[in-house]
N, C-alpha and C. Protein backbone atom coordinates (compact mmCIF):
# COMPACT_ATOMS: atom_id res chain seq x y z
N MET A 1 0.75 -1.24 -0.01
CA MET A 1 0.02 0.02 0.11
C MET A 1 0.84 1.34 -0.05
N LYS A 2 0.47 2.40 -0.50
CA LYS A 2 1.13 3.69 -0.28
C LYS A 2 0.75 4.30 0.54
N GLU A 3 1.89 5.03 1.19
CA GLU A 3 1.68 5.82 2.54
C GLU A 3 0.55 6.79 2.45
N SER A 4 0.26 7.27 1.15
CA SER A 4 -0.67 8.39 0.90
C SER A 4 -1.90 7.92 1.12
N LEU A 5 -2.07 6.77 1.29
CA LEU A 5 -3.53 5.97 1.46
C LEU A 5 -3.96 6.24 2.95
N MET A 6 -2.89 6.85 3.75
CA MET A 6 -3.28 6.99 5.13
C MET A 6 -4.20 8.36 5.40
N ASP A 7 -4.39 9.11 4.10
CA ASP A 7 -5.11 10.31 4.30
C ASP A 7 -6.69 10.04 4.09
N VAL A 8 -6.78 8.75 3.50
CA VAL A 8 -8.13 8.45 3.17
C VAL A 8 -8.87 6.95 4.11
N ILE A 9 -8.18 6.39 4.58
CA ILE A 9 -8.52 5.44 5.32
C ILE A 9 -8.57 5.72 6.81
N CYS A 10 -9.73 4.92 7.55
CA CYS A 10 -9.82 5.11 9.04
C CYS A 10 -10.50 3.73 9.28
N CYS A 11 -10.50 3.60 10.53
CA CYS A 11 -10.77 2.46 11.28
C CYS A 11 -12.43 2.07 10.86
N PRO A 12 -12.57 0.99 10.54
CA PRO A 12 -13.90 0.51 10.20
C PRO A 12 -14.99 0.52 11.34
N LEU A 13 -14.35 0.33 12.65
CA LEU A 13 -15.22 0.25 13.56
C LEU A 13 -15.83 1.54 14.19
N ASP A 14 -14.89 2.45 14.47
CA ASP A 14 -15.32 3.72 14.80
C ASP A 14 -14.91 4.95 14.17
N LYS A 15 -14.27 4.64 12.87
CA LYS A 15 -13.90 5.89 11.93
C LYS A 15 -12.72 6.67 12.60
N GLY A 16 -11.94 6.28 13.75
CA GLY A 16 -10.99 6.83 14.18
C GLY A 16 -9.77 6.77 13.40
N ASP A 17 -8.78 7.70 13.69
CA ASP A 17 -7.45 7.87 12.58
C ASP A 17 -6.68 6.33 12.96
N LEU A 18 -5.99 5.87 12.02
CA LEU A 18 -5.10 4.80 11.95
C LEU A 18 -3.45 5.36 12.15
N GLU A 19 -2.94 4.76 13.07
CA GLU A 19 -1.47 4.99 13.01
C GLU A 19 -0.70 3.85 12.26
N LEU A 20 0.30 4.27 11.59
CA LEU A 20 1.07 3.28 10.78
C LEU A 20 2.30 2.97 11.42
N ASP A 21 2.32 1.47 11.50
CA ASP A 21 3.88 1.04 11.93
C ASP A 21 4.47 0.09 10.75
N VAL A 22 5.22 0.42 10.20
CA VAL A 22 5.92 -0.15 8.82
C VAL A 22 7.13 -1.36 9.32
N ASP A 23 6.91 -2.51 9.01
CA ASP A 23 7.78 -3.47 9.17
C ASP A 23 8.84 -3.67 7.98
N GLU A 24 8.08 -3.74 6.90
CA GLU A 24 8.92 -3.95 5.44
C GLU A 24 8.30 -2.86 4.56
N ARG A 25 9.32 -2.39 3.86
CA ARG A 25 8.95 -1.33 2.76
C ARG A 25 9.93 -1.52 1.58
N ASP A 26 9.38 -1.22 0.37
CA ASP A 26 10.17 -1.28 -0.93
C ASP A 26 9.62 -0.05 -1.54
N GLY A 27 10.55 0.74 -1.46
CA GLY A 27 10.64 2.24 -1.87
C GLY A 27 9.35 3.06 -1.29
N GLU A 28 8.41 3.30 -2.16
CA GLU A 28 7.25 3.97 -1.44
C GLU A 28 6.20 3.06 -1.00
N GLU A 29 6.36 1.63 -1.41
CA GLU A 29 5.40 0.75 -0.98
C GLU A 29 5.61 0.06 0.26
N ILE A 30 4.42 -0.07 1.10
CA ILE A 30 4.66 -0.67 2.45
C ILE A 30 4.00 -2.05 2.03
N LEU A 31 4.86 -2.91 2.32
CA LEU A 31 4.83 -4.40 2.22
C LEU A 31 4.14 -5.04 3.47
N GLU A 32 4.52 -4.83 4.69
CA GLU A 32 4.40 -5.39 5.95
C GLU A 32 4.03 -4.42 7.17
N GLY A 33 3.23 -4.49 7.85
CA GLY A 33 3.12 -3.65 9.00
C GLY A 33 1.78 -3.77 9.61
N THR A 34 1.45 -3.06 10.48
CA THR A 34 0.32 -2.85 11.14
C THR A 34 -0.55 -1.43 11.13
N LEU A 35 -1.75 -1.23 11.11
CA LEU A 35 -2.28 -0.05 11.25
C LEU A 35 -3.11 -0.24 12.52
N THR A 36 -3.04 0.94 13.42
CA THR A 36 -3.77 0.62 14.83
C THR A 36 -4.56 2.08 14.80
N CYS A 37 -5.66 1.79 15.39
CA CYS A 37 -6.65 2.77 15.71
C CYS A 37 -6.53 3.55 16.91
N THR A 38 -6.20 5.08 16.82
CA THR A 38 -5.83 6.05 17.73
C THR A 38 -6.87 6.08 18.80
N GLU A 39 -8.46 5.61 18.42
CA GLU A 39 -9.61 5.59 19.60
C GLU A 39 -9.66 4.37 20.01
N CYS A 40 -9.75 3.39 19.29
CA CYS A 40 -10.29 1.98 20.31
C CYS A 40 -9.14 1.13 20.32
N GLY A 41 -8.13 1.39 19.58
CA GLY A 41 -6.68 0.46 19.70
C GLY A 41 -6.92 -1.07 18.90
N GLU A 42 -7.73 -1.14 18.27
CA GLU A 42 -7.82 -2.28 17.34
C GLU A 42 -6.75 -2.18 16.40
N THR A 43 -6.00 -3.29 15.99
CA THR A 43 -4.80 -3.37 15.16
C THR A 43 -5.46 -3.93 13.67
N TYR A 44 -4.78 -3.71 12.78
CA TYR A 44 -5.06 -4.38 11.36
C TYR A 44 -3.94 -4.65 10.56
N PRO A 45 -3.64 -5.74 10.16
CA PRO A 45 -2.41 -6.13 9.53
C PRO A 45 -2.48 -5.52 7.96
N ILE A 46 -1.05 -5.32 7.54
CA ILE A 46 -0.72 -5.05 6.44
C ILE A 46 0.31 -6.22 5.86
N GLU A 47 -0.41 -7.10 4.80
CA GLU A 47 0.31 -8.28 4.27
C GLU A 47 0.33 -8.21 2.86
N ASP A 48 1.71 -8.38 2.47
CA ASP A 48 1.79 -8.35 0.73
C ASP A 48 1.42 -7.01 0.39
N GLY A 49 1.65 -6.06 0.95
CA GLY A 49 1.01 -4.79 0.51
C GLY A 49 -0.35 -4.40 0.71
N ILE A 50 -1.06 -5.33 1.24
CA ILE A 50 -2.58 -4.98 1.26
C ILE A 50 -3.15 -4.70 2.75
N PRO A 51 -3.61 -3.65 2.97
CA PRO A 51 -4.12 -3.56 4.35
C PRO A 51 -5.50 -4.51 4.50
N ASN A 52 -5.64 -5.15 5.78
CA ASN A 52 -6.82 -6.01 5.90
C ASN A 52 -7.43 -5.04 6.95
N LEU A 53 -8.80 -4.38 6.58
CA LEU A 53 -9.51 -3.70 7.37
C LEU A 53 -10.80 -4.15 7.61
N LEU A 54 -10.70 -5.51 7.64
CA LEU A 54 -12.07 -6.15 8.17
C LEU A 54 -11.91 -6.32 9.69
N PRO A 55 -13.14 -5.99 10.02
CA PRO A 55 -13.40 -5.90 11.48
C PRO A 55 -12.73 -7.40 12.14
N PRO A 56 -12.37 -7.19 13.34
CA PRO A 56 -11.73 -8.32 13.98
C PRO A 56 -12.57 -9.82 13.89
N ASP A 57 -13.89 -9.86 14.03
CA ASP A 57 -14.71 -11.12 13.98
C ASP A 57 -14.55 -11.67 12.45
N MET A 58 -14.78 -10.64 11.48
CA MET A 58 -14.58 -11.05 10.16
C MET A 58 -13.50 -11.58 9.92
N ARG A 59 -12.25 -11.02 10.46
CA ARG A 59 -10.97 -11.62 10.02
C ARG A 59 -10.75 -12.77 10.55
N GLU A 60 -11.28 -13.10 11.62
CA GLU A 60 -11.29 -14.50 12.42
C GLU A 60 -11.85 -15.60 11.66
N GLU A 61 -12.94 -15.12 11.14
CA GLU A 61 -13.89 -16.00 10.23
C GLU A 61 -13.13 -16.43 8.86
N GLU A 62 -12.46 -15.30 8.28
CA GLU A 62 -11.66 -15.54 7.01
C GLU A 62 -10.72 -16.47 7.49
N GLU A 63 -9.65 -16.02 8.46
CA GLU A 63 -8.50 -16.99 8.71
C GLU A 63 -8.88 -18.38 8.98
N ASN A 64 -10.06 -18.58 9.61
CA ASN A 64 -10.63 -20.09 10.10
C ASN A 64 -10.96 -20.73 8.53
N GLY A 65 -11.63 -20.07 7.77
CA GLY A 65 -12.03 -20.50 6.46
C GLY A 65 -10.94 -20.90 5.63
N GLU A 66 -9.93 -20.20 5.74
CA GLU A 66 -8.58 -20.19 4.71
C GLU A 66 -8.08 -21.67 5.28
N ALA A 67 -7.85 -21.64 6.80
CA ALA A 67 -7.31 -22.90 7.46
C ALA A 67 -7.98 -24.08 6.95
N ALA A 68 -9.25 -24.00 6.86
CA ALA A 68 -10.15 -25.44 6.46
C ALA A 68 -9.96 -25.64 5.04
N ALA A 69 -9.58 -24.76 4.26
CA ALA A 69 -9.64 -25.20 2.65
C ALA A 69 -8.54 -25.93 2.27
């Protein structure tokens, strides 16, 4: 994801601002890291350059579904 995306995304739960923590970067592209809501504290992973902004319960269902496949 591009860091400029931070200007338009927000927490899907409470619309709070997200704080970026970068683990891996390739030029301007953020490949791995986390987004943390400054209001509720929920964290969202960035994997392979894609931020996963699903609410926590939907992320768990997705992970469980992938594990069963």
